[in-house]
C-alpha atoms as a PDB file:
ATOM      1  CA  UNK A   1      40.277 -32.342 -22.756  1.00  0.00           C
ATOM      2  CA  UNK A   2      36.755 -33.587 -22.004  1.00  0.00           C
ATOM      3  CA  UNK A   3      37.603 -33.615 -18.316  1.00  0.00           C
ATOM      4  CA  UNK A   4      38.751 -29.992 -18.526  1.00  0.00           C
ATOM      5  CA  UNK A   5      35.495 -28.885 -20.172  1.00  0.00           C
ATOM      6  CA  UNK A   6      33.525 -30.818 -17.585  1.00  0.00           C
ATOM      7  CA  UNK A   7      35.134 -28.902 -14.720  1.00  0.00           C
ATOM      8  CA  UNK A   8      34.640 -25.577 -16.535  1.00  0.00           C
ATOM      9  CA  UNK A   9      30.944 -26.308 -17.038  1.00  0.00           C
ATOM     10  CA  UNK A  10      30.657 -27.524 -13.449  1.00  0.00           C
ATOM     11  CA  UNK A  11      32.247 -24.291 -12.199  1.00  0.00           C
ATOM     12  CA  UNK A  12      29.859 -22.175 -14.290  1.00  0.00           C
ATOM     13  CA  UNK A  13      26.826 -24.130 -13.091  1.00  0.00           C
ATOM     14  CA  UNK A  14      28.010 -23.843  -9.481  1.00  0.00           C
ATOM     15  CA  UNK A  15      28.461 -20.086  -9.825  1.00  0.00           C
ATOM     16  CA  UNK A  16      25.045 -19.666 -11.420  1.00  0.00           C
ATOM     17  CA  UNK A  17      23.419 -21.798  -8.744  1.00  0.00           C
ATOM     18  CA  UNK A  18      25.145 -19.781  -6.052  1.00  0.00           C
ATOM     19  CA  UNK A  19      24.004 -16.525  -7.648  1.00  0.00           C
ATOM     20  CA  UNK A  20      20.401 -17.744  -7.893  1.00  0.00           C
ATOM     21  CA  UNK A  21      20.379 -18.876  -4.263  1.00  0.00           C
ATOM     22  CA  UNK A  22      21.924 -15.580  -3.156  1.00  0.00           C
ATOM     23  CA  UNK A  23      19.359 -13.505  -5.053  1.00  0.00           C
ATOM     24  CA  UNK A  24      16.467 -15.614  -3.755  1.00  0.00           C
ATOM     25  CA  UNK A  25      17.811 -15.171  -0.237  1.00  0.00           C
ATOM     26  CA  UNK A  26      17.947 -11.398  -0.731  1.00  0.00           C
ATOM     27  CA  UNK A  27      14.259 -11.405  -1.671  1.00  0.00           C
ATOM     28  CA  UNK A  28      13.269 -12.972   1.657  1.00  0.00           C
ATOM     29  CA  UNK A  29      12.398 -10.868   4.699  1.00  0.00           C
ATOM     30  CA  UNK A  30      15.535 -10.290   6.792  1.00  0.00           C
ATOM     31  CA  UNK A  31      14.072 -10.052  10.276  1.00  0.00           C
ATOM     32  CA  UNK A  32      16.236 -10.815  13.280  1.00  0.00           C
ATOM     33  CA  UNK A  33      13.108 -12.280  14.831  1.00  0.00           C
ATOM     34  CA  UNK A  34       9.536 -12.799  13.666  1.00  0.00           C
ATOM     35  CA  UNK A  35       6.710 -12.808  16.202  1.00  0.00           C
ATOM     36  CA  UNK A  36       3.378 -14.138  14.993  1.00  0.00           C
ATOM     37  CA  UNK A  37       0.438 -12.301  16.499  1.00  0.00           C
ATOM     38  CA  UNK A  38      -3.327 -12.701  16.356  1.00  0.00           C
ATOM     39  CA  UNK A  39      -6.049 -10.258  17.304  1.00  0.00           C
ATOM     40  CA  UNK A  40      -9.787  -9.849  16.881  1.00  0.00           C
ATOM     41  CA  UNK A  41     -12.076  -7.299  15.279  1.00  0.00           C
ATOM     42  CA  UNK A  42     -15.794  -7.876  15.583  1.00  0.00           C
ATOM     43  CA  UNK A  43     -16.327 -11.537  14.629  1.00  0.00           C
ATOM     44  CA  UNK A  44     -13.051 -11.818  12.704  1.00  0.00           C
ATOM     45  CA  UNK A  45      -9.769 -13.278  13.907  1.00  0.00           C
ATOM     46  CA  UNK A  46      -6.801 -11.650  12.192  1.00  0.00           C
ATOM     47  CA  UNK A  47      -3.340 -13.138  11.838  1.00  0.00           C
ATOM     48  CA  UNK A  48      -0.126 -11.206  11.278  1.00  0.00           C
ATOM     49  CA  UNK A  49       3.608 -11.069  11.838  1.00  0.00           C
ATOM     50  CA  UNK A  50       5.797  -8.614  13.721  1.00  0.00           C
ATOM     51  CA  UNK A  51       9.204  -8.394  12.049  1.00  0.00           C
ATOM     52  CA  UNK A  52      11.939  -7.194  14.403  1.00  0.00           C
ATOM     53  CA  UNK A  53      15.286  -5.600  13.492  1.00  0.00           C
ATOM     54  CA  UNK A  54      18.665  -6.533  14.960  1.00  0.00           C
ATOM     55  CA  UNK A  55      18.440  -3.980  17.772  1.00  0.00           C
ATOM     56  CA  UNK A  56      16.832  -5.274  20.954  1.00  0.00           C
ATOM     57  CA  UNK A  57      14.747  -3.418  23.507  1.00  0.00           C
ATOM     58  CA  UNK A  58      11.964  -1.018  22.682  1.00  0.00           C
ATOM     59  CA  UNK A  59      11.014  -0.598  19.049  1.00  0.00           C
ATOM     60  CA  UNK A  60       9.767   2.036  16.660  1.00  0.00           C
ATOM     61  CA  UNK A  61       7.071   0.115  14.770  1.00  0.00           C
ATOM     62  CA  UNK A  62       5.552   0.671  11.328  1.00  0.00           C
ATOM     63  CA  UNK A  63       2.147  -0.982  10.842  1.00  0.00           C
ATOM     64  CA  UNK A  64       1.246  -1.658   7.202  1.00  0.00           C
ATOM     65  CA  UNK A  65      -2.241  -0.804   5.946  1.00  0.00           C
ATOM     66  CA  UNK A  66      -3.151  -2.616   2.733  1.00  0.00           C
ATOM     67  CA  UNK A  67      -4.642  -1.135  -0.382  1.00  0.00           C
ATOM     68  CA  UNK A  68      -7.453  -2.707  -2.406  1.00  0.00           C
ATOM     69  CA  UNK A  69      -7.785  -6.393  -3.175  1.00  0.00           C
ATOM     70  CA  UNK A  70      -6.960  -9.663  -1.502  1.00  0.00           C
ATOM     71  CA  UNK A  71      -3.691  -9.246   0.406  1.00  0.00           C
ATOM     72  CA  UNK A  72      -1.727 -11.403   2.785  1.00  0.00           C
ATOM     73  CA  UNK A  73       0.778  -9.953   5.242  1.00  0.00           C
ATOM     74  CA  UNK A  74       3.586  -9.695   2.667  1.00  0.00           C
ATOM     75  CA  UNK A  75       1.422  -8.970  -0.388  1.00  0.00           C
ATOM     76  CA  UNK A  76       2.753 -12.234  -1.838  1.00  0.00           C
ATOM     77  CA  UNK A  77       6.273 -10.921  -1.318  1.00  0.00           C
ATOM     78  CA  UNK A  78       5.516  -7.487  -2.762  1.00  0.00           C
ATOM     79  CA  UNK A  79       6.257  -5.804   0.574  1.00  0.00           C
ATOM     80  CA  UNK A  80       9.525  -7.643   1.215  1.00  0.00           C
ATOM     81  CA  UNK A  81      11.890  -4.989  -0.121  1.00  0.00           C
ATOM     82  CA  UNK A  82      10.071  -2.242   1.807  1.00  0.00           C
ATOM     83  CA  UNK A  83      10.077  -4.325   4.982  1.00  0.00           C
ATOM     84  CA  UNK A  84      13.787  -5.066   4.592  1.00  0.00           C
ATOM     85  CA  UNK A  85      14.647  -1.402   4.048  1.00  0.00           C
ATOM     86  CA  UNK A  86      12.808  -0.528   7.255  1.00  0.00           C
ATOM     87  CA  UNK A  87      14.354  -3.414   9.184  1.00  0.00           C
ATOM     88  CA  UNK A  88      17.813  -2.443   7.960  1.00  0.00           C
ATOM     89  CA  UNK A  89      17.185   1.054   9.291  1.00  0.00           C
ATOM     90  CA  UNK A  90      16.213  -0.236  12.718  1.00  0.00           C
ATOM     91  CA  UNK A  91      12.419  -0.133  12.435  1.00  0.00           C
ATOM     92  CA  UNK A  92      10.106  -3.011  13.307  1.00  0.00           C
ATOM     93  CA  UNK A  93       7.240  -3.811  10.950  1.00  0.00           C
ATOM     94  CA  UNK A  94       3.843  -5.346  11.616  1.00  0.00           C
ATOM     95  CA  UNK A  95       1.628  -6.567   8.792  1.00  0.00           C
ATOM     96  CA  UNK A  96      -1.352  -8.888   8.820  1.00  0.00           C
ATOM     97  CA  UNK A  97      -3.497 -10.892   6.431  1.00  0.00           C
ATOM     98  CA  UNK A  98      -6.645  -9.112   5.326  1.00  0.00           C
ATOM     99  CA  UNK A  99      -9.949 -10.548   6.517  1.00  0.00           C
ATOM    100  CA  UNK A 100     -10.570 -13.813   4.690  1.00  0.00           C
ATOM    101  CA  UNK A 101      -6.987 -14.084   3.426  1.00  0.00           C
ATOM    102  CA  UNK A 102      -4.249 -16.420   4.669  1.00  0.00           C
ATOM    103  CA  UNK A 103      -4.673 -17.022   8.388  1.00  0.00           C
ATOM    104  CA  UNK A 104      -7.400 -14.411   8.892  1.00  0.00           C
ATOM    105  CA  UNK A 105     -11.114 -15.132   9.013  1.00  0.00           C
ATOM    106  CA  UNK A 106     -13.912 -12.970   7.629  1.00  0.00           C
ATOM    107  CA  UNK A 107     -14.278 -11.226   4.275  1.00  0.00           C
ATOM    108  CA  UNK A 108     -12.585  -7.920   3.425  1.00  0.00           C
ATOM    109  CA  UNK A 109     -15.249  -7.273   0.762  1.00  0.00           C
ATOM    110  CA  UNK A 110     -17.776  -6.798   3.571  1.00  0.00           C
ATOM    111  CA  UNK A 111     -15.720  -4.108   5.278  1.00  0.00           C
ATOM    112  CA  UNK A 112     -16.112  -0.349   5.183  1.00  0.00           C
ATOM    113  CA  UNK A 113     -13.087   1.920   5.506  1.00  0.00           C
ATOM    114  CA  UNK A 114     -14.206   2.580   9.086  1.00  0.00           C
ATOM    115  CA  UNK A 115     -14.233  -1.184   9.728  1.00  0.00           C
ATOM    116  CA  UNK A 116     -10.706  -1.405   8.409  1.00  0.00           C
ATOM    117  CA  UNK A 117      -9.608   1.521  10.571  1.00  0.00           C
ATOM    118  CA  UNK A 118     -11.051  -0.140  13.687  1.00  0.00           C
ATOM    119  CA  UNK A 119      -9.271  -3.324  12.654  1.00  0.00           C
ATOM    120  CA  UNK A 120      -5.975  -1.432  12.252  1.00  0.00           C
ATOM    121  CA  UNK A 121      -6.412   0.125  15.689  1.00  0.00           C
ATOM    122  CA  UNK A 122      -6.764  -3.392  17.088  1.00  0.00           C
ATOM    123  CA  UNK A 123      -3.591  -4.364  15.234  1.00  0.00           C
ATOM    124  CA  UNK A 124      -1.773  -1.501  16.961  1.00  0.00           C
ATOM    125  CA  UNK A 125      -2.950  -2.821  20.320  1.00  0.00           C
ATOM    126  CA  UNK A 126      -1.807  -6.326  19.363  1.00  0.00           C
ATOM    127  CA  UNK A 127       1.683  -5.003  18.631  1.00  0.00           C
ATOM    128  CA  UNK A 128       1.830  -3.211  21.966  1.00  0.00           C
ATOM    129  CA  UNK A 129       0.787  -6.437  23.678  1.00  0.00           C
ATOM    130  CA  UNK A 130       3.512  -8.445  21.954  1.00  0.00           C
ATOM    131  CA  UNK A 131       6.549  -6.208  22.271  1.00  0.00           C
ATOM    132  CA  UNK A 132       7.922  -3.065  23.879  1.00  0.00           C
ATOM    133  CA  UNK A 133       7.045  -0.044  21.756  1.00  0.00           C
ATOM    134  CA  UNK A 134       8.748   3.360  21.740  1.00  0.00           C
ATOM    135  CA  UNK A 135       6.649   4.732  18.896  1.00  0.00           C
ATOM    136  CA  UNK A 136       4.137   3.290  16.466  1.00  0.00           C
ATOM    137  CA  UNK A 137       2.557   4.555  13.269  1.00  0.00           C
ATOM    138  CA  UNK A 138       1.123   3.429   9.955  1.00  0.00           C
ATOM    139  CA  UNK A 139       2.313   3.096   6.380  1.00  0.00           C
ATOM    140  CA  UNK A 140      -0.818   2.938   4.231  1.00  0.00           C
ATOM    141  CA  UNK A 141      -0.974   2.074   0.565  1.00  0.00           C
ATOM    142  CA  UNK A 142      -3.558   3.434  -1.889  1.00  0.00           C
ATOM    143  CA  UNK A 143      -6.995   2.583  -0.489  1.00  0.00           C
ATOM    144  CA  UNK A 144      -5.313   2.628   2.896  1.00  0.00           C
ATOM    145  CA  UNK A 145      -5.401   6.417   2.637  1.00  0.00           C
ATOM    146  CA  UNK A 146      -9.115   6.338   3.433  1.00  0.00           C
ATOM    147  CA  UNK A 147      -8.359   3.994   6.333  1.00  0.00           C
ATOM    148  CA  UNK A 148      -5.825   6.529   7.621  1.00  0.00           C
ATOM    149  CA  UNK A 149      -8.462   9.261   7.512  1.00  0.00           C
ATOM    150  CA  UNK A 150     -10.839   7.089   9.515  1.00  0.00           C
ATOM    151  CA  UNK A 151      -8.072   6.399  12.039  1.00  0.00           C
ATOM    152  CA  UNK A 152      -7.651  10.152  12.475  1.00  0.00           C
ATOM    153  CA  UNK A 153     -11.391  10.586  13.053  1.00  0.00           C
ATOM    154  CA  UNK A 154     -11.137   7.890  15.727  1.00  0.00           C
ATOM    155  CA  UNK A 155      -8.173   9.683  17.311  1.00  0.00           C
ATOM    156  CA  UNK A 156      -6.279   6.394  17.153  1.00  0.00           C
ATOM    157  CA  UNK A 157      -3.136   6.282  19.342  1.00  0.00           C
ATOM    158  CA  UNK A 158      -0.557   6.744  16.575  1.00  0.00           C
ATOM    159  CA  UNK A 159       2.715   8.665  16.551  1.00  0.00           C
ATOM    160  CA  UNK A 160       2.948   9.181  12.775  1.00  0.00           C
ATOM    161  CA  UNK A 161       1.137   8.385   9.531  1.00  0.00           C
ATOM    162  CA  UNK A 162       2.439   7.740   6.030  1.00  0.00           C
ATOM    163  CA  UNK A 163       0.160   7.400   3.002  1.00  0.00           C
ATOM    164  CA  UNK A 164       1.412   6.312  -0.427  1.00  0.00           C
ATOM    165  CA  UNK A 165      -0.846   6.946  -3.421  1.00  0.00           C
ATOM    166  CA  UNK A 166      -3.885   8.103  -1.474  1.00  0.00           C
ATOM    167  CA  UNK A 167      -6.979   9.401  -3.279  1.00  0.00           C
ATOM    168  CA  UNK A 168      -9.529  11.841  -1.873  1.00  0.00           C
ATOM    169  CA  UNK A 169     -13.000  10.880  -3.107  1.00  0.00           C
ATOM    170  CA  UNK A 170     -13.984   7.272  -3.893  1.00  0.00           C
ATOM    171  CA  UNK A 171     -16.239   8.000  -6.860  1.00  0.00           C
ATOM    172  CA  UNK A 172     -13.989  10.697  -8.322  1.00  0.00           C
ATOM    173  CA  UNK A 173     -11.045   8.320  -8.123  1.00  0.00           C
ATOM    174  CA  UNK A 174     -12.983   5.687 -10.037  1.00  0.00           C
ATOM    175  CA  UNK A 175     -13.777   8.083 -12.870  1.00  0.00           C
ATOM    176  CA  UNK A 176     -10.138   9.224 -12.989  1.00  0.00           C
ATOM    177  CA  UNK A 177      -8.947   5.614 -13.127  1.00  0.00           C
ATOM    178  CA  UNK A 178     -11.344   4.797 -15.962  1.00  0.00           C
ATOM    179  CA  UNK A 179     -10.318   7.954 -17.833  1.00  0.00           C
ATOM    180  CA  UNK A 180      -6.706   6.813 -17.697  1.00  0.00           C
ATOM    181  CA  UNK A 181      -7.817   3.370 -18.873  1.00  0.00           C
ATOM    182  CA  UNK A 182      -9.576   4.891 -21.876  1.00  0.00           C
ATOM    183  CA  UNK A 183      -6.464   6.869 -22.750  1.00  0.00           C
ATOM    184  CA  UNK A 184      -4.285   3.771 -22.431  1.00  0.00           C
ATOM    185  CA  UNK A 185      -6.644   1.879 -24.733  1.00  0.00           C
ATOM    186  CA  UNK A 186      -6.287   4.590 -27.346  1.00  0.00           C
ATOM    187  CA  UNK A 187      -9.960   5.569 -27.325  1.00  0.00           C
ATOM    188  CA  UNK A 188     -10.954   8.521 -29.457  1.00  0.00           C
ATOM    189  CA  UNK A 189     -12.522  11.565 -27.779  1.00  0.00           C
ATOM    190  CA  UNK A 190     -15.977  10.303 -28.741  1.00  0.00           C
ATOM    191  CA  UNK A 191     -15.238   6.758 -27.558  1.00  0.00           C
ATOM    192  CA  UNK A 192     -13.863   8.091 -24.277  1.00  0.00           C
ATOM    193  CA  UNK A 193     -16.986  10.153 -23.649  1.00  0.00           C
ATOM    194  CA  UNK A 194     -19.211   7.172 -24.387  1.00  0.00           C
ATOM    195  CA  UNK A 195     -17.156   4.955 -22.082  1.00  0.00           C
ATOM    196  CA  UNK A 196     -17.178   7.481 -19.232  1.00  0.00           C
ATOM    197  CA  UNK A 197     -20.938   7.896 -19.586  1.00  0.00           C
ATOM    198  CA  UNK A 198     -21.157   4.130 -19.156  1.00  0.00           C
ATOM    199  CA  UNK A 199     -18.897   4.300 -16.087  1.00  0.00           C
ATOM    200  CA  UNK A 200     -20.839   7.130 -14.450  1.00  0.00           C
ATOM    201  CA  UNK A 201     -24.137   5.371 -15.112  1.00  0.00           C
ATOM    202  CA  UNK A 202     -22.755   2.252 -13.489  1.00  0.00           C
ATOM    203  CA  UNK A 203     -21.622   4.304 -10.500  1.00  0.00           C
ATOM    204  CA  UNK A 204     -25.152   5.678 -10.186  1.00  0.00           C
ATOM    205  CA  UNK A 205     -26.454   2.116  -9.829  1.00  0.00           C
ATOM    206  CA  UNK A 206     -23.824   1.532  -7.141  1.00  0.00           C
ATOM    207  CA  UNK A 207     -24.935   4.638  -5.240  1.00  0.00           C
ATOM    208  CA  UNK A 208     -28.555   3.458  -5.493  1.00  0.00           C
ATOM    209  CA  UNK A 209     -27.588  -0.054  -4.373  1.00  0.00           C
ATOM    210  CA  UNK A 210     -29.335  -1.449  -7.463  1.00  0.00           C
ATOM    211  CA  UNK A 211     -27.388  -4.521  -8.525  1.00  0.00           C
ATOM    212  CA  UNK A 212     -30.059  -5.802 -10.916  1.00  0.00           C
ATOM    213  CA  UNK A 213     -30.123  -2.454 -12.693  1.00  0.00           C
ATOM    214  CA  UNK A 214     -26.341  -2.429 -12.819  1.00  0.00           C
ATOM    215  CA  UNK A 215     -26.203  -5.900 -14.384  1.00  0.00           C
ATOM    216  CA  UNK A 216     -28.776  -4.939 -16.999  1.00  0.00           C
ATOM    217  CA  UNK A 217     -26.813  -1.787 -17.754  1.00  0.00           C
ATOM    218  CA  UNK A 218     -23.451  -3.603 -17.991  1.00  0.00           C
ATOM    219  CA  UNK A 219     -24.853  -6.300 -20.243  1.00  0.00           C
ATOM    220  CA  UNK A 220     -25.951  -3.677 -22.767  1.00  0.00           C
ATOM    221  CA  UNK A 221     -22.293  -2.905 -23.490  1.00  0.00           C
ATOM    222  CA  UNK A 222     -19.187  -4.883 -24.326  1.00  0.00           C
ATOM    223  CA  UNK A 223     -16.703  -3.279 -21.965  1.00  0.00           C
ATOM    224  CA  UNK A 224     -15.989  -6.456 -20.076  1.00  0.00           C
ATOM    225  CA  UNK A 225     -17.634  -8.572 -17.371  1.00  0.00           C
ATOM    226  CA  UNK A 226     -19.655  -6.758 -14.682  1.00  0.00           C
ATOM    227  CA  UNK A 227     -18.712  -6.675 -11.032  1.00  0.00           C
ATOM    228  CA  UNK A 228     -19.646  -9.641  -8.899  1.00  0.00           C
ATOM    229  CA  UNK A 229     -22.362  -9.086  -6.296  1.00  0.00           C
ATOM    230  CA  UNK A 230     -19.712  -9.130  -3.553  1.00  0.00           C
ATOM    231  CA  UNK A 231     -17.608  -6.492  -5.295  1.00  0.00           C
ATOM    232  CA  UNK A 232     -20.705  -4.389  -6.026  1.00  0.00           C
ATOM    233  CA  UNK A 233     -21.705  -4.530  -2.356  1.00  0.00           C
ATOM    234  CA  UNK A 234     -18.181  -3.511  -1.351  1.00  0.00           C
ATOM    235  CA  UNK A 235     -18.368  -0.527  -3.706  1.00  0.00           C
ATOM    236  CA  UNK A 236     -21.763   0.449  -2.293  1.00  0.00           C
ATOM    237  CA  UNK A 237     -20.546   0.233   1.307  1.00  0.00           C
ATOM    238  CA  UNK A 238     -17.656   2.565   0.514  1.00  0.00           C
ATOM    239  CA  UNK A 239     -18.857   4.768  -2.338  1.00  0.00           C
ATOM    240  CA  UNK A 240     -19.238   7.810  -0.075  1.00  0.00           C
ATOM    241  CA  UNK A 241     -15.672   7.541   1.212  1.00  0.00           C
ATOM    242  CA  UNK A 242     -13.922  10.902   1.168  1.00  0.00           C
ATOM    243  CA  UNK A 243     -10.666  11.574   2.975  1.00  0.00           C
ATOM    244  CA  UNK A 244     -11.130  15.320   3.511  1.00  0.00           C
ATOM    245  CA  UNK A 245     -12.746  15.285   6.957  1.00  0.00           C
ATOM    246  CA  UNK A 246     -10.260  12.726   8.216  1.00  0.00           C
ATOM    247  CA  UNK A 247      -7.313  14.733   6.887  1.00  0.00           C
ATOM    248  CA  UNK A 248      -8.485  17.702   8.936  1.00  0.00           C
ATOM    249  CA  UNK A 249      -8.356  15.468  12.029  1.00  0.00           C
ATOM    250  CA  UNK A 250      -4.760  14.276  11.527  1.00  0.00           C
ATOM    251  CA  UNK A 251      -2.677  15.678  14.369  1.00  0.00           C
ATOM    252  CA  UNK A 252       0.448  13.510  14.213  1.00  0.00           C
ATOM    253  CA  UNK A 253       3.346  13.987  11.768  1.00  0.00           C
ATOM    254  CA  UNK A 254       2.228  13.013   8.273  1.00  0.00           C
ATOM    255  CA  UNK A 255       4.072  12.019   5.096  1.00  0.00           C
ATOM    256  CA  UNK A 256       2.216  11.819   1.797  1.00  0.00           C
ATOM    257  CA  UNK A 257       3.966  10.049  -1.082  1.00  0.00           C
ATOM    258  CA  UNK A 258       2.724  10.339  -4.646  1.00  0.00           C
ATOM    259  CA  UNK A 259       4.124   9.047  -7.927  1.00  0.00           C
ATOM    260  CA  UNK A 260       4.170  11.574 -10.753  1.00  0.00           C
ATOM    261  CA  UNK A 261       3.308   8.739 -13.176  1.00  0.00           C
ATOM    262  CA  UNK A 262       0.397   7.372 -11.114  1.00  0.00           C
ATOM    263  CA  UNK A 263      -2.386   6.204 -13.450  1.00  0.00           C
ATOM    264  CA  UNK A 264      -4.743   5.156 -10.646  1.00  0.00           C
ATOM    265  CA  UNK A 265      -5.054   8.343  -8.630  1.00  0.00           C
ATOM    266  CA  UNK A 266      -5.182  12.036  -9.541  1.00  0.00           C
ATOM    267  CA  UNK A 267      -2.133  12.870  -7.448  1.00  0.00           C
ATOM    268  CA  UNK A 268      -2.222  16.584  -8.200  1.00  0.00           C
ATOM    269  CA  UNK A 269      -5.731  16.756  -6.782  1.00  0.00           C
ATOM    270  CA  UNK A 270      -4.709  14.707  -3.744  1.00  0.00           C
ATOM    271  CA  UNK A 271      -1.710  16.921  -3.026  1.00  0.00           C
ATOM    272  CA  UNK A 272      -3.819  20.071  -3.438  1.00  0.00           C
ATOM    273  CA  UNK A 273      -6.500  18.825  -1.025  1.00  0.00           C
ATOM    274  CA  UNK A 274      -4.007  17.662   1.605  1.00  0.00           C
ATOM    275  CA  UNK A 275      -2.167  20.987   1.352  1.00  0.00           C
ATOM    276  CA  UNK A 276      -5.359  23.046   1.554  1.00  0.00           C
ATOM    277  CA  UNK A 277      -6.778  21.159   4.532  1.00  0.00           C
ATOM    278  CA  UNK A 278      -3.512  21.136   6.471  1.00  0.00           C
ATOM    279  CA  UNK A 279      -3.003  24.870   5.932  1.00  0.00           C
ATOM    280  CA  UNK A 280      -6.604  25.608   6.906  1.00  0.00           C
ATOM    281  CA  UNK A 281      -5.936  23.786  10.174  1.00  0.00           C
ATOM    282  CA  UNK A 282      -2.639  25.606  10.719  1.00  0.00           C
ATOM    283  CA  UNK A 283      -0.685  22.372  10.470  1.00  0.00           C
ATOM    284  CA  UNK A 284       3.051  22.389   9.854  1.00  0.00           C
ATOM    285  CA  UNK A 285       4.186  18.857  10.731  1.00  0.00           C
ATOM    286  CA  UNK A 286       3.453  17.340   7.338  1.00  0.00           C
ATOM    287  CA  UNK A 287       5.407  16.619   4.175  1.00  0.00           C
ATOM    288  CA  UNK A 288       3.945  15.947   0.732  1.00  0.00           C
ATOM    289  CA  UNK A 289       6.358  14.447  -1.785  1.00  0.00           C
ATOM    290  CA  UNK A 290       5.881  13.917  -5.508  1.00  0.00           C
ATOM    291  CA  UNK A 291       8.284  11.131  -6.507  1.00  0.00           C
ATOM    292  CA  UNK A 292       9.679  11.479 -10.013  1.00  0.00           C
ATOM    293  CA  UNK A 293       9.163   8.578 -12.430  1.00  0.00           C
ATOM    294  CA  UNK A 294       7.094   6.665  -9.861  1.00  0.00           C
ATOM    295  CA  UNK A 295       3.857   4.811 -10.538  1.00  0.00           C
ATOM    296  CA  UNK A 296       0.984   4.117  -8.130  1.00  0.00           C
ATOM    297  CA  UNK A 297       3.033   1.533  -6.213  1.00  0.00           C
ATOM    298  CA  UNK A 298       6.069   3.882  -6.176  1.00  0.00           C
ATOM    299  CA  UNK A 299       7.823   1.497  -8.547  1.00  0.00           C
ATOM    300  CA  UNK A 300       9.800   2.839 -11.471  1.00  0.00           C
ATOM    301  CA  UNK A 301       7.190   4.058 -13.935  1.00  0.00           C
ATOM    302  CA  UNK A 302       8.491   1.773 -16.680  1.00  0.00           C
ATOM    303  CA  UNK A 303       6.736  -1.123 -14.931  1.00  0.00           C
ATOM    304  CA  UNK A 304       3.351   0.448 -15.594  1.00  0.00           C
ATOM    305  CA  UNK A 305       3.742  -0.580 -19.215  1.00  0.00           C
ATOM    306  CA  UNK A 306       6.103  -3.495 -18.801  1.00  0.00           C
ATOM    307  CA  UNK A 307       4.908  -5.584 -15.877  1.00  0.00           C
ATOM    308  CA  UNK A 308       6.251  -8.793 -17.405  1.00  0.00           C
ATOM    309  CA  UNK A 309       9.815  -7.758 -16.555  1.00  0.00           C
ATOM    310  CA  UNK A 310       9.049  -6.785 -12.961  1.00  0.00           C
ATOM    311  CA  UNK A 311       9.623 -10.188 -11.341  1.00  0.00           C
ATOM    312  CA  UNK A 312      12.860 -10.780 -13.237  1.00  0.00           C
ATOM    313  CA  UNK A 313      14.154  -7.295 -12.426  1.00  0.00           C
ATOM    314  CA  UNK A 314      13.208  -7.736  -8.773  1.00  0.00           C
ATOM    315  CA  UNK A 315      15.221 -10.953  -8.756  1.00  0.00           C
ATOM    316  CA  UNK A 316      18.216  -9.369 -10.487  1.00  0.00           C
ATOM    317  CA  UNK A 317      18.202  -5.860  -9.028  1.00  0.00           C
ATOM    318  CA  UNK A 318      16.308  -6.033  -5.739  1.00  0.00           C
ATOM    319  CA  UNK A 319      14.725  -2.826  -4.491  1.00  0.00           C
ATOM    320  CA  UNK A 320      16.103  -0.906  -7.480  1.00  0.00           C
ATOM    321  CA  UNK A 321      12.698  -1.654  -9.031  1.00  0.00           C
ATOM    322  CA  UNK A 322      11.371   1.241  -6.943  1.00  0.00           C
ATOM    323  CA  UNK A 323      11.585   4.769  -8.265  1.00  0.00           C
ATOM    324  CA  UNK A 324      14.772   6.575  -7.279  1.00  0.00           C
ATOM    325  CA  UNK A 325      14.445   8.003  -3.802  1.00  0.00           C
ATOM    326  CA  UNK A 326      11.090   6.436  -2.963  1.00  0.00           C
ATOM    327  CA  UNK A 327      12.255   4.128  -0.168  1.00  0.00           C
ATOM    328  CA  UNK A 328      14.948   6.559   0.975  1.00  0.00           C
ATOM    329  CA  UNK A 329      12.270   9.213   1.412  1.00  0.00           C
ATOM    330  CA  UNK A 330      10.311   6.984   3.790  1.00  0.00           C
ATOM    331  CA  UNK A 331      13.330   6.101   5.942  1.00  0.00           C
ATOM    332  CA  UNK A 332      14.798   9.628   5.947  1.00  0.00           C
ATOM    333  CA  UNK A 333      11.448  11.113   6.967  1.00  0.00           C
ATOM    334  CA  UNK A 334      11.035   8.580   9.773  1.00  0.00           C
ATOM    335  CA  UNK A 335      14.569   9.266  10.994  1.00  0.00           C
ATOM    336  CA  UNK A 336      13.807  12.984  11.200  1.00  0.00           C
ATOM    337  CA  UNK A 337      10.299  12.559  12.597  1.00  0.00           C
ATOM    338  CA  UNK A 338      10.510   9.775  15.173  1.00  0.00           C
ATOM    339  CA  UNK A 339      12.401  11.236  18.166  1.00  0.00           C
ATOM    340  CA  UNK A 340      13.909   7.921  19.250  1.00  0.00           C
ATOM    341  CA  UNK A 341      15.292   7.258  15.754  1.00  0.00           C
ATOM    342  CA  UNK A 342      17.818  10.093  15.780  1.00  0.00           C
ATOM    343  CA  UNK A 343      20.752   8.260  17.349  1.00  0.00           C
ATOM    344  CA  UNK A 344      20.142   5.222  15.155  1.00  0.00           C
ATOM    345  CA  UNK A 345      20.115   7.369  12.007  1.00  0.00           C
ATOM    346  CA  UNK A 346      23.346   9.082  13.014  1.00  0.00           C
ATOM    347  CA  UNK A 347      25.015   5.704  13.488  1.00  0.00           C
ATOM    348  CA  UNK A 348      24.239   4.836   9.858  1.00  0.00           C
ATOM    349  CA  UNK A 349      25.967   7.950   8.498  1.00  0.00           C
END
């Protein structure tokens, strides 16, 4: 009897181990080939990876443009499901470590959005130097929307642009974000007004490049630790960022993705500005999509309040952590937009 139970337990453990290994394997990037590539921008040396799909020959390439914060080429694995969906649909993906992260030198906190756009343009050249390219464009996340606008002003050699969760004005976005924070904290109307006055006053110190004044101001309240000098300088460098002029310069096909449960960006304002500017410029090759039940990262909105379950759900359910239709929208739009993708898309149906 004991021997029987032993084999039953052994079988269960073996099955569980197999399931765990399978799920971990599914979370890895499934590239047929990975080509490491380095390139330079100003004094920085940037390091990235070009992930290639099963098809050989010339490639349609999607270059990732990071949002805010320290980010390596995979966003610590956060990009893996998106990369795999693109690879599985026949698209190559290039992503690189931000300046000062992973294998890249420099410091992203010292970069303006124009710096990052120039850097992205160099990344595009690096891809073209490392593989045969049929078409190449960008998929930008959040803060990357401002980078996309700067790329348009530069007339960068892109065939398409995608922006997910892009804001319009840097300072306006900050106030919106802090307003949502106050609401989430359950502040009363009076408390919210007091907090936003504090935020706007802090922003005024940023605009004046007065760090000492900012520190004195922040220390008079108990809303949390003040920004570091590096972060303050980064905010000052970019506080005038506004995507409007760059949007008017976008000539290539454009897809804007916005989550209807985004707490970081005023998506209704973003959609309205994109729509207004594109129409004013008689543009028709654009698509603006509001994804239902999607947060800022286009994940299912439930993860905005329950982040603790995100890693476990990603392990158990894979890319189902994204809002319904979010990843499909990206691939379907690319299939319809990139001329060379048509035959490949038809072969998947």
